[in-house]
Amino acid sequence: MNRSPDIVLKPIGVVRSPIKEVADDCWGGVAATVALDPPLFGPESTQGLDQFSHVEVIFLLNKIPAEKRGKRRAASARTHRLAEHGHLRAAL
C-alpha cells in the first residue's frame, strides 16, 4: 500500500473554555471562545461572521493523554444526534 504524505497542521488560534479537566465528550452546552492568532488575522477577518448561524471549527484535542488515544469511531453519538436534528451539515 502506498503511504500518503504526512499532513502538517499549523495552528491559527486556540479554543478557550471553562473546562479544566480533560474528559471525553463533556462539551455539551459548554460555551467556548475561538481566539485567532493576531499576527495572522486582524479584526477585519471576522467581519460579517455574525450573519451566519454556524461556524465549523477543525480542532486537535492536544491534551488527551497518549494512552487514551487510539482508533476510535469517527463521530460521537452527540454528532449523530446533531445530524439527525439538522444541526450538522458537514459530511462526516
PDB file of N, CA and C in Angstrom:
ATOM      1  N   MET A   1       0.845  -1.170   0.000  1.00  0.00           N
ATOM      2  CA  MET A   1       0.000   0.000   0.000  1.00  0.00           C
ATOM      3  C   MET A   1       0.895   1.240   0.000  1.00  0.00           C
ATOM      4  N   ASN A   2       0.531   2.203  -0.823  1.00  0.00           N
ATOM      5  CA  ASN A   2       1.281   3.467  -0.855  1.00  0.00           C
ATOM      6  C   ASN A   2       0.935   4.303   0.358  1.00  0.00           C
ATOM      7  N   ARG A   3       1.955   4.843   0.964  1.00  0.00           N
ATOM      8  CA  ARG A   3       1.735   5.698   2.141  1.00  0.00           C
ATOM      9  C   ARG A   3       1.571   7.137   1.686  1.00  0.00           C
ATOM     10  N   SER A   4       0.510   7.776   2.167  1.00  0.00           N
ATOM     11  CA  SER A   4       0.277   9.188   1.868  1.00  0.00           C
ATOM     12  C   SER A   4       1.276  10.026   2.641  1.00  0.00           C
ATOM     13  N   PRO A   5       1.588  11.198   2.116  1.00  0.00           N
ATOM     14  CA  PRO A   5       2.491  12.073   2.874  1.00  0.00           C
ATOM     15  C   PRO A   5       1.824  12.519   4.167  1.00  0.00           C
ATOM     16  N   ASP A   6       2.641  12.805   5.159  1.00  0.00           N
ATOM     17  CA  ASP A   6       2.116  13.298   6.430  1.00  0.00           C
ATOM     18  C   ASP A   6       1.418  14.630   6.220  1.00  0.00           C
ATOM     19  N   ILE A   7       0.389  14.841   6.997  1.00  0.00           N
ATOM     20  CA  ILE A   7      -0.323  16.112   6.975  1.00  0.00           C
ATOM     21  C   ILE A   7       0.204  16.944   8.136  1.00  0.00           C
ATOM     22  N   VAL A   8       0.631  18.146   7.835  1.00  0.00           N
ATOM     23  CA  VAL A   8       1.162  19.034   8.865  1.00  0.00           C
ATOM     24  C   VAL A   8       0.134  20.122   9.130  1.00  0.00           C
ATOM     25  N   LEU A   9      -0.257  20.249  10.383  1.00  0.00           N
ATOM     26  CA  LEU A   9      -1.217  21.276  10.770  1.00  0.00           C
ATOM     27  C   LEU A   9      -0.492  22.433  11.434  1.00  0.00           C
ATOM     28  N   LYS A  10      -0.858  23.635  11.061  1.00  0.00           N
ATOM     29  CA  LYS A  10      -0.303  24.819  11.700  1.00  0.00           C
ATOM     30  C   LYS A  10      -1.451  25.523  12.412  1.00  0.00           C
ATOM     31  N   PRO A  11      -1.384  25.613  13.727  1.00  0.00           N
ATOM     32  CA  PRO A  11      -2.476  26.269  14.458  1.00  0.00           C
ATOM     33  C   PRO A  11      -2.626  27.733  14.035  1.00  0.00           C
ATOM     34  N   ILE A  12      -3.882  28.162  13.917  1.00  0.00           N
ATOM     35  CA  ILE A  12      -4.161  29.568  13.607  1.00  0.00           C
ATOM     36  C   ILE A  12      -4.863  30.253  14.775  1.00  0.00           C
ATOM     37  N   GLY A  13      -5.013  29.518  15.857  1.00  0.00           N
ATOM     38  CA  GLY A  13      -5.653  30.057  17.042  1.00  0.00           C
ATOM     39  C   GLY A  13      -5.853  28.962  18.064  1.00  0.00           C
ATOM     40  N   VAL A  14      -6.597  29.293  19.111  1.00  0.00           N
ATOM     41  CA  VAL A  14      -6.906  28.323  20.164  1.00  0.00           C
ATOM     42  C   VAL A  14      -8.374  28.430  20.547  1.00  0.00           C
ATOM     43  N   VAL A  15      -8.892  27.345  21.080  1.00  0.00           N
ATOM     44  CA  VAL A  15     -10.247  27.338  21.618  1.00  0.00           C
ATOM     45  C   VAL A  15     -10.119  27.398  23.129  1.00  0.00           C
ATOM     46  N   ARG A  16     -10.784  28.351  23.738  1.00  0.00           N
ATOM     47  CA  ARG A  16     -10.744  28.504  25.194  1.00  0.00           C
ATOM     48  C   ARG A  16     -12.135  28.221  25.758  1.00  0.00           C
ATOM     49  N   SER A  17     -12.153  27.472  26.851  1.00  0.00           N
ATOM     50  CA  SER A  17     -13.418  27.142  27.511  1.00  0.00           C
ATOM     51  C   SER A  17     -13.192  27.031  29.011  1.00  0.00           C
ATOM     52  N   PRO A  18     -14.272  26.920  29.779  1.00  0.00           N
ATOM     53  CA  PRO A  18     -14.114  26.769  31.219  1.00  0.00           C
ATOM     54  C   PRO A  18     -13.704  25.359  31.638  1.00  0.00           C
ATOM     55  N   ILE A  19     -13.641  24.428  30.711  1.00  0.00           N
ATOM     56  CA  ILE A  19     -13.260  23.050  31.033  1.00  0.00           C
ATOM     57  C   ILE A  19     -11.795  23.024  31.449  1.00  0.00           C
ATOM     58  N   LYS A  20     -11.524  22.535  32.633  1.00  0.00           N
ATOM     59  CA  LYS A  20     -10.144  22.477  33.144  1.00  0.00           C
ATOM     60  C   LYS A  20      -9.602  21.056  33.182  1.00  0.00           C
ATOM     61  N   GLU A  21     -10.476  20.082  33.343  1.00  0.00           N
ATOM     62  CA  GLU A  21     -10.059  18.683  33.414  1.00  0.00           C
ATOM     63  C   GLU A  21     -10.444  17.988  32.122  1.00  0.00           C
ATOM     64  N   VAL A  22      -9.495  17.290  31.532  1.00  0.00           N
ATOM     65  CA  VAL A  22      -9.750  16.593  30.279  1.00  0.00           C
ATOM     66  C   VAL A  22     -10.730  15.453  30.537  1.00  0.00           C
ATOM     67  N   ALA A  23     -11.831  15.445  29.792  1.00  0.00           N
ATOM     68  CA  ALA A  23     -12.830  14.389  29.897  1.00  0.00           C
ATOM     69  C   ALA A  23     -13.384  14.125  28.509  1.00  0.00           C
ATOM     70  N   ASP A  24     -13.805  12.913  28.276  1.00  0.00           N
ATOM     71  CA  ASP A  24     -14.288  12.507  26.970  1.00  0.00           C
ATOM     72  C   ASP A  24     -15.722  12.965  26.754  1.00  0.00           C
ATOM     73  N   ASP A  25     -15.951  13.702  25.665  1.00  0.00           N
ATOM     74  CA  ASP A  25     -17.296  14.073  25.228  1.00  0.00           C
ATOM     75  C   ASP A  25     -18.093  14.824  26.295  1.00  0.00           C
ATOM     76  N   CYS A  26     -17.457  15.784  26.951  1.00  0.00           N
ATOM     77  CA  CYS A  26     -18.137  16.532  28.012  1.00  0.00           C
ATOM     78  C   CYS A  26     -18.500  17.941  27.556  1.00  0.00           C
ATOM     79  N   TRP A  27     -18.583  18.176  26.262  1.00  0.00           N
ATOM     80  CA  TRP A  27     -18.698  19.539  25.757  1.00  0.00           C
ATOM     81  C   TRP A  27     -20.129  20.011  25.528  1.00  0.00           C
ATOM     82  N   GLY A  28     -21.122  19.162  25.739  1.00  0.00           N
ATOM     83  CA  GLY A  28     -22.490  19.583  25.507  1.00  0.00           C
ATOM     84  C   GLY A  28     -22.871  20.767  26.373  1.00  0.00           C
ATOM     85  N   GLY A  29     -23.307  21.849  25.766  1.00  0.00           N
ATOM     86  CA  GLY A  29     -23.736  23.016  26.497  1.00  0.00           C
ATOM     87  C   GLY A  29     -22.625  23.915  27.010  1.00  0.00           C
ATOM     88  N   VAL A  30     -21.373  23.617  26.664  1.00  0.00           N
ATOM     89  CA  VAL A  30     -20.250  24.427  27.125  1.00  0.00           C
ATOM     90  C   VAL A  30     -19.997  25.553  26.121  1.00  0.00           C
ATOM     91  N   ALA A  31     -19.951  26.783  26.612  1.00  0.00           N
ATOM     92  CA  ALA A  31     -19.627  27.916  25.743  1.00  0.00           C
ATOM     93  C   ALA A  31     -18.106  28.039  25.653  1.00  0.00           C
ATOM     94  N   ALA A  32     -17.607  28.151  24.444  1.00  0.00           N
ATOM     95  CA  ALA A  32     -16.168  28.281  24.215  1.00  0.00           C
ATOM     96  C   ALA A  32     -15.909  29.481  23.319  1.00  0.00           C
ATOM     97  N   THR A  33     -14.691  29.956  23.347  1.00  0.00           N
ATOM     98  CA  THR A  33     -14.274  31.087  22.526  1.00  0.00           C
ATOM     99  C   THR A  33     -13.142  30.648  21.613  1.00  0.00           C
ATOM    100  N   VAL A  34     -13.213  31.045  20.351  1.00  0.00           N
ATOM    101  CA  VAL A  34     -12.125  30.795  19.417  1.00  0.00           C
ATOM    102  C   VAL A  34     -11.301  32.071  19.339  1.00  0.00           C
ATOM    103  N   ALA A  35     -10.040  31.971  19.739  1.00  0.00           N
ATOM    104  CA  ALA A  35      -9.133  33.124  19.706  1.00  0.00           C
ATOM    105  C   ALA A  35      -8.156  32.930  18.550  1.00  0.00           C
ATOM    106  N   LEU A  36      -8.304  33.739  17.515  1.00  0.00           N
ATOM    107  CA  LEU A  36      -7.414  33.646  16.361  1.00  0.00           C
ATOM    108  C   LEU A  36      -6.087  34.335  16.655  1.00  0.00           C
ATOM    109  N   ASP A  37      -5.012  33.853  16.027  1.00  0.00           N
ATOM    110  CA  ASP A  37      -3.672  34.401  16.208  1.00  0.00           C
ATOM    111  C   ASP A  37      -3.617  35.808  15.606  1.00  0.00           C
ATOM    112  N   PRO A  38      -3.452  36.856  16.433  1.00  0.00           N
ATOM    113  CA  PRO A  38      -3.491  38.242  15.944  1.00  0.00           C
ATOM    114  C   PRO A  38      -2.519  38.567  14.803  1.00  0.00           C
ATOM    115  N   PRO A  39      -1.277  38.046  14.793  1.00  0.00           N
ATOM    116  CA  PRO A  39      -0.406  38.361  13.660  1.00  0.00           C
ATOM    117  C   PRO A  39      -0.933  37.810  12.318  1.00  0.00           C
ATOM    118  N   LEU A  40      -1.751  36.766  12.377  1.00  0.00           N
ATOM    119  CA  LEU A  40      -2.293  36.175  11.149  1.00  0.00           C
ATOM    120  C   LEU A  40      -3.642  36.757  10.756  1.00  0.00           C
ATOM    121  N   PHE A  41      -4.438  37.176  11.747  1.00  0.00           N
ATOM    122  CA  PHE A  41      -5.812  37.611  11.486  1.00  0.00           C
ATOM    123  C   PHE A  41      -6.109  38.913  12.213  1.00  0.00           C
ATOM    124  N   GLY A  42      -6.382  39.946  11.479  1.00  0.00           N
ATOM    125  CA  GLY A  42      -6.783  41.216  12.063  1.00  0.00           C
ATOM    126  C   GLY A  42      -8.274  41.224  12.332  1.00  0.00           C
ATOM    127  N   PRO A  43      -8.780  42.305  12.919  1.00  0.00           N
ATOM    128  CA  PRO A  43     -10.209  42.406  13.246  1.00  0.00           C
ATOM    129  C   PRO A  43     -11.119  42.249  12.026  1.00  0.00           C
ATOM    130  N   GLU A  44     -10.628  42.640  10.858  1.00  0.00           N
ATOM    131  CA  GLU A  44     -11.444  42.532   9.643  1.00  0.00           C
ATOM    132  C   GLU A  44     -11.697  41.074   9.238  1.00  0.00           C
ATOM    133  N   SER A  45     -10.916  40.149   9.767  1.00  0.00           N
ATOM    134  CA  SER A  45     -11.042  38.730   9.410  1.00  0.00           C
ATOM    135  C   SER A  45     -12.395  38.144   9.786  1.00  0.00           C
ATOM    136  N   THR A  46     -13.016  38.672  10.816  1.00  0.00           N
ATOM    137  CA  THR A  46     -14.300  38.118  11.264  1.00  0.00           C
ATOM    138  C   THR A  46     -15.479  39.035  10.948  1.00  0.00           C
ATOM    139  N   GLN A  47     -15.251  40.080  10.175  1.00  0.00           N
ATOM    140  CA  GLN A  47     -16.357  40.969   9.802  1.00  0.00           C
ATOM    141  C   GLN A  47     -17.405  40.178   9.032  1.00  0.00           C
ATOM    142  N   GLY A  48     -18.652  40.325   9.428  1.00  0.00           N
ATOM    143  CA  GLY A  48     -19.755  39.644   8.762  1.00  0.00           C
ATOM    144  C   GLY A  48     -20.030  38.247   9.287  1.00  0.00           C
ATOM    145  N   LEU A  49     -19.177  37.756  10.172  1.00  0.00           N
ATOM    146  CA  LEU A  49     -19.350  36.403  10.707  1.00  0.00           C
ATOM    147  C   LEU A  49     -20.664  36.272  11.470  1.00  0.00           C
ATOM    148  N   ASP A  50     -21.103  37.351  12.072  1.00  0.00           N
ATOM    149  CA  ASP A  50     -22.360  37.317  12.830  1.00  0.00           C
ATOM    150  C   ASP A  50     -23.587  37.110  11.942  1.00  0.00           C
ATOM    151  N   GLN A  51     -23.406  37.139  10.642  1.00  0.00           N
ATOM    152  CA  GLN A  51     -24.508  36.907   9.702  1.00  0.00           C
ATOM    153  C   GLN A  51     -24.761  35.417   9.473  1.00  0.00           C
ATOM    154  N   PHE A  52     -23.899  34.579  10.003  1.00  0.00           N
ATOM    155  CA  PHE A  52     -24.011  33.132   9.821  1.00  0.00           C
ATOM    156  C   PHE A  52     -24.535  32.480  11.095  1.00  0.00           C
ATOM    157  N   SER A  53     -25.259  31.386  10.928  1.00  0.00           N
ATOM    158  CA  SER A  53     -25.804  30.685  12.090  1.00  0.00           C
ATOM    159  C   SER A  53     -24.817  29.689  12.686  1.00  0.00           C
ATOM    160  N   HIS A  54     -23.835  29.231  11.896  1.00  0.00           N
ATOM    161  CA  HIS A  54     -22.901  28.212  12.368  1.00  0.00           C
ATOM    162  C   HIS A  54     -21.494  28.523  11.878  1.00  0.00           C
ATOM    163  N   VAL A  55     -20.530  28.054  12.628  1.00  0.00           N
ATOM    164  CA  VAL A  55     -19.126  28.123  12.238  1.00  0.00           C
ATOM    165  C   VAL A  55     -18.557  26.727  12.440  1.00  0.00           C
ATOM    166  N   GLU A  56     -17.841  26.223  11.464  1.00  0.00           N
ATOM    167  CA  GLU A  56     -17.210  24.919  11.608  1.00  0.00           C
ATOM    168  C   GLU A  56     -15.763  25.115  12.029  1.00  0.00           C
ATOM    169  N   VAL A  57     -15.407  24.497  13.133  1.00  0.00           N
ATOM    170  CA  VAL A  57     -14.057  24.615  13.677  1.00  0.00           C
ATOM    171  C   VAL A  57     -13.403  23.243  13.618  1.00  0.00           C
ATOM    172  N   ILE A  58     -12.270  23.170  12.972  1.00  0.00           N
ATOM    173  CA  ILE A  58     -11.499  21.930  12.932  1.00  0.00           C
ATOM    174  C   ILE A  58     -10.450  22.055  14.028  1.00  0.00           C
ATOM    175  N   PHE A  59     -10.414  21.079  14.909  1.00  0.00           N
ATOM    176  CA  PHE A  59      -9.547  21.214  16.070  1.00  0.00           C
ATOM    177  C   PHE A  59      -8.817  19.917  16.372  1.00  0.00           C
ATOM    178  N   LEU A  60      -7.775  20.042  17.138  1.00  0.00           N
ATOM    179  CA  LEU A  60      -6.977  18.921  17.602  1.00  0.00           C
ATOM    180  C   LEU A  60      -7.032  18.925  19.118  1.00  0.00           C
ATOM    181  N   LEU A  61      -7.486  17.834  19.701  1.00  0.00           N
ATOM    182  CA  LEU A  61      -7.540  17.734  21.156  1.00  0.00           C
ATOM    183  C   LEU A  61      -6.144  17.347  21.646  1.00  0.00           C
ATOM    184  N   ASN A  62      -5.312  18.336  21.831  1.00  0.00           N
ATOM    185  CA  ASN A  62      -3.907  18.095  22.121  1.00  0.00           C
ATOM    186  C   ASN A  62      -3.627  17.749  23.574  1.00  0.00           C
ATOM    187  N   LYS A  63      -4.621  17.776  24.432  1.00  0.00           N
ATOM    188  CA  LYS A  63      -4.371  17.472  25.849  1.00  0.00           C
ATOM    189  C   LYS A  63      -4.861  16.079  26.243  1.00  0.00           C
ATOM    190  N   ILE A  64      -5.263  15.271  25.271  1.00  0.00           N
ATOM    191  CA  ILE A  64      -5.664  13.899  25.546  1.00  0.00           C
ATOM    192  C   ILE A  64      -4.392  13.075  25.756  1.00  0.00           C
ATOM    193  N   PRO A  65      -4.256  12.380  26.884  1.00  0.00           N
ATOM    194  CA  PRO A  65      -3.056  11.576  27.123  1.00  0.00           C
ATOM    195  C   PRO A  65      -2.877  10.495  26.062  1.00  0.00           C
ATOM    196  N   ALA A  66      -1.630  10.174  25.760  1.00  0.00           N
ATOM    197  CA  ALA A  66      -1.312   9.192  24.715  1.00  0.00           C
ATOM    198  C   ALA A  66      -2.012   7.859  24.950  1.00  0.00           C
ATOM    199  N   GLU A  67      -2.119   7.428  26.204  1.00  0.00           N
ATOM    200  CA  GLU A  67      -2.742   6.127  26.482  1.00  0.00           C
ATOM    201  C   GLU A  67      -4.245   6.119  26.206  1.00  0.00           C
ATOM    202  N   LYS A  68      -4.844   7.287  26.076  1.00  0.00           N
ATOM    203  CA  LYS A  68      -6.273   7.358  25.765  1.00  0.00           C
ATOM    204  C   LYS A  68      -6.521   7.567  24.276  1.00  0.00           C
ATOM    205  N   ARG A  69      -5.462   7.800  23.533  1.00  0.00           N
ATOM    206  CA  ARG A  69      -5.610   7.961  22.095  1.00  0.00           C
ATOM    207  C   ARG A  69      -5.641   6.594  21.436  1.00  0.00           C
ATOM    208  N   GLY A  70      -6.093   6.550  20.248  1.00  0.00           N
ATOM    209  CA  GLY A  70      -6.122   5.298  19.507  1.00  0.00           C
ATOM    210  C   GLY A  70      -7.212   5.344  18.478  1.00  0.00           C
ATOM    211  N   LYS A  71      -7.500   4.209  17.932  1.00  0.00           N
ATOM    212  CA  LYS A  71      -8.549   4.134  16.922  1.00  0.00           C
ATOM    213  C   LYS A  71      -9.892   4.266  17.619  1.00  0.00           C
ATOM    214  N   ARG A  72     -10.644   5.214  17.157  1.00  0.00           N
ATOM    215  CA  ARG A  72     -11.968   5.473  17.705  1.00  0.00           C
ATOM    216  C   ARG A  72     -12.912   5.692  16.545  1.00  0.00           C
ATOM    217  N   ARG A  73     -14.171   5.668  16.839  1.00  0.00           N
ATOM    218  CA  ARG A  73     -15.116   5.954  15.768  1.00  0.00           C
ATOM    219  C   ARG A  73     -14.951   7.396  15.325  1.00  0.00           C
ATOM    220  N   ALA A  74     -15.297   7.656  14.097  1.00  0.00           N
ATOM    221  CA  ALA A  74     -15.057   8.969  13.503  1.00  0.00           C
ATOM    222  C   ALA A  74     -15.939  10.059  14.096  1.00  0.00           C
ATOM    223  N   ALA A  75     -17.105   9.703  14.587  1.00  0.00           N
ATOM    224  CA  ALA A  75     -18.012  10.715  15.123  1.00  0.00           C
ATOM    225  C   ALA A  75     -18.638  10.194  16.400  1.00  0.00           C
ATOM    226  N   SER A  76     -18.915  11.069  17.319  1.00  0.00           N
ATOM    227  CA  SER A  76     -19.516  10.685  18.592  1.00  0.00           C
ATOM    228  C   SER A  76     -21.025  10.527  18.435  1.00  0.00           C
ATOM    229  N   ALA A  77     -21.635   9.955  19.435  1.00  0.00           N
ATOM    230  CA  ALA A  77     -23.101   9.830  19.437  1.00  0.00           C
ATOM    231  C   ALA A  77     -23.736  11.209  19.394  1.00  0.00           C
ATOM    232  N   ARG A  78     -23.104  12.185  20.047  1.00  0.00           N
ATOM    233  CA  ARG A  78     -23.628  13.559  20.032  1.00  0.00           C
ATOM    234  C   ARG A  78     -23.639  14.102  18.612  1.00  0.00           C
ATOM    235  N   THR A  79     -22.597  13.831  17.847  1.00  0.00           N
ATOM    236  CA  THR A  79     -22.538  14.289  16.458  1.00  0.00           C
ATOM    237  C   THR A  79     -23.697  13.707  15.663  1.00  0.00           C
ATOM    238  N   HIS A  80     -23.989  12.441  15.884  1.00  0.00           N
ATOM    239  CA  HIS A  80     -25.098  11.814  15.164  1.00  0.00           C
ATOM    240  C   HIS A  80     -26.432  12.427  15.572  1.00  0.00           C
ATOM    241  N   ARG A  81     -26.590  12.756  16.861  1.00  0.00           N
ATOM    242  CA  ARG A  81     -27.830  13.413  17.298  1.00  0.00           C
ATOM    243  C   ARG A  81     -27.974  14.775  16.639  1.00  0.00           C
ATOM    244  N   LEU A  82     -26.875  15.520  16.550  1.00  0.00           N
ATOM    245  CA  LEU A  82     -26.925  16.822  15.892  1.00  0.00           C
ATOM    246  C   LEU A  82     -27.333  16.669  14.433  1.00  0.00           C
ATOM    247  N   ALA A  83     -26.763  15.683  13.757  1.00  0.00           N
ATOM    248  CA  ALA A  83     -27.077  15.457  12.348  1.00  0.00           C
ATOM    249  C   ALA A  83     -28.550  15.096  12.171  1.00  0.00           C
ATOM    250  N   GLU A  84     -29.078  14.272  13.063  1.00  0.00           N
ATOM    251  CA  GLU A  84     -30.488  13.870  12.968  1.00  0.00           C
ATOM    252  C   GLU A  84     -31.422  15.066  13.084  1.00  0.00           C
ATOM    253  N   HIS A  85     -31.022  16.077  13.825  1.00  0.00           N
ATOM    254  CA  HIS A  85     -31.867  17.250  14.024  1.00  0.00           C
ATOM    255  C   HIS A  85     -31.532  18.382  13.065  1.00  0.00           C
ATOM    256  N   GLY A  86     -30.673  18.119  12.088  1.00  0.00           N
ATOM    257  CA  GLY A  86     -30.355  19.122  11.081  1.00  0.00           C
ATOM    258  C   GLY A  86     -29.377  20.177  11.534  1.00  0.00           C
ATOM    259  N   HIS A  87     -28.669  19.944  12.650  1.00  0.00           N
ATOM    260  CA  HIS A  87     -27.726  20.931  13.156  1.00  0.00           C
ATOM    261  C   HIS A  87     -26.295  20.698  12.667  1.00  0.00           C
ATOM    262  N   LEU A  88     -26.087  19.644  11.938  1.00  0.00           N
ATOM    263  CA  LEU A  88     -24.742  19.333  11.447  1.00  0.00           C
ATOM    264  C   LEU A  88     -24.845  19.101   9.951  1.00  0.00           C
ATOM    265  N   ARG A  89     -24.236  19.963   9.185  1.00  0.00           N
ATOM    266  CA  ARG A  89     -24.375  19.881   7.736  1.00  0.00           C
ATOM    267  C   ARG A  89     -23.135  19.350   7.048  1.00  0.00           C
ATOM    268  N   ALA A  90     -22.060  19.202   7.782  1.00  0.00           N
ATOM    269  CA  ALA A  90     -20.812  18.752   7.170  1.00  0.00           C
ATOM    270  C   ALA A  90     -20.869  17.263   6.893  1.00  0.00           C
ATOM    271  N   ALA A  91     -20.222  16.848   5.849  1.00  0.00           N
ATOM    272  CA  ALA A  91     -20.105  15.427   5.553  1.00  0.00           C
ATOM    273  C   ALA A  91     -19.124  14.813   6.524  1.00  0.00           C
ATOM    274  N   LEU A  92     -19.499  13.710   7.116  1.00  0.00           N
ATOM    275  CA  LEU A  92     -18.608  13.059   8.068  1.00  0.00           C
ATOM    276  C   LEU A  92     -17.889  11.914   7.403  1.00  0.00           C
TER     277      LEU A  92
END
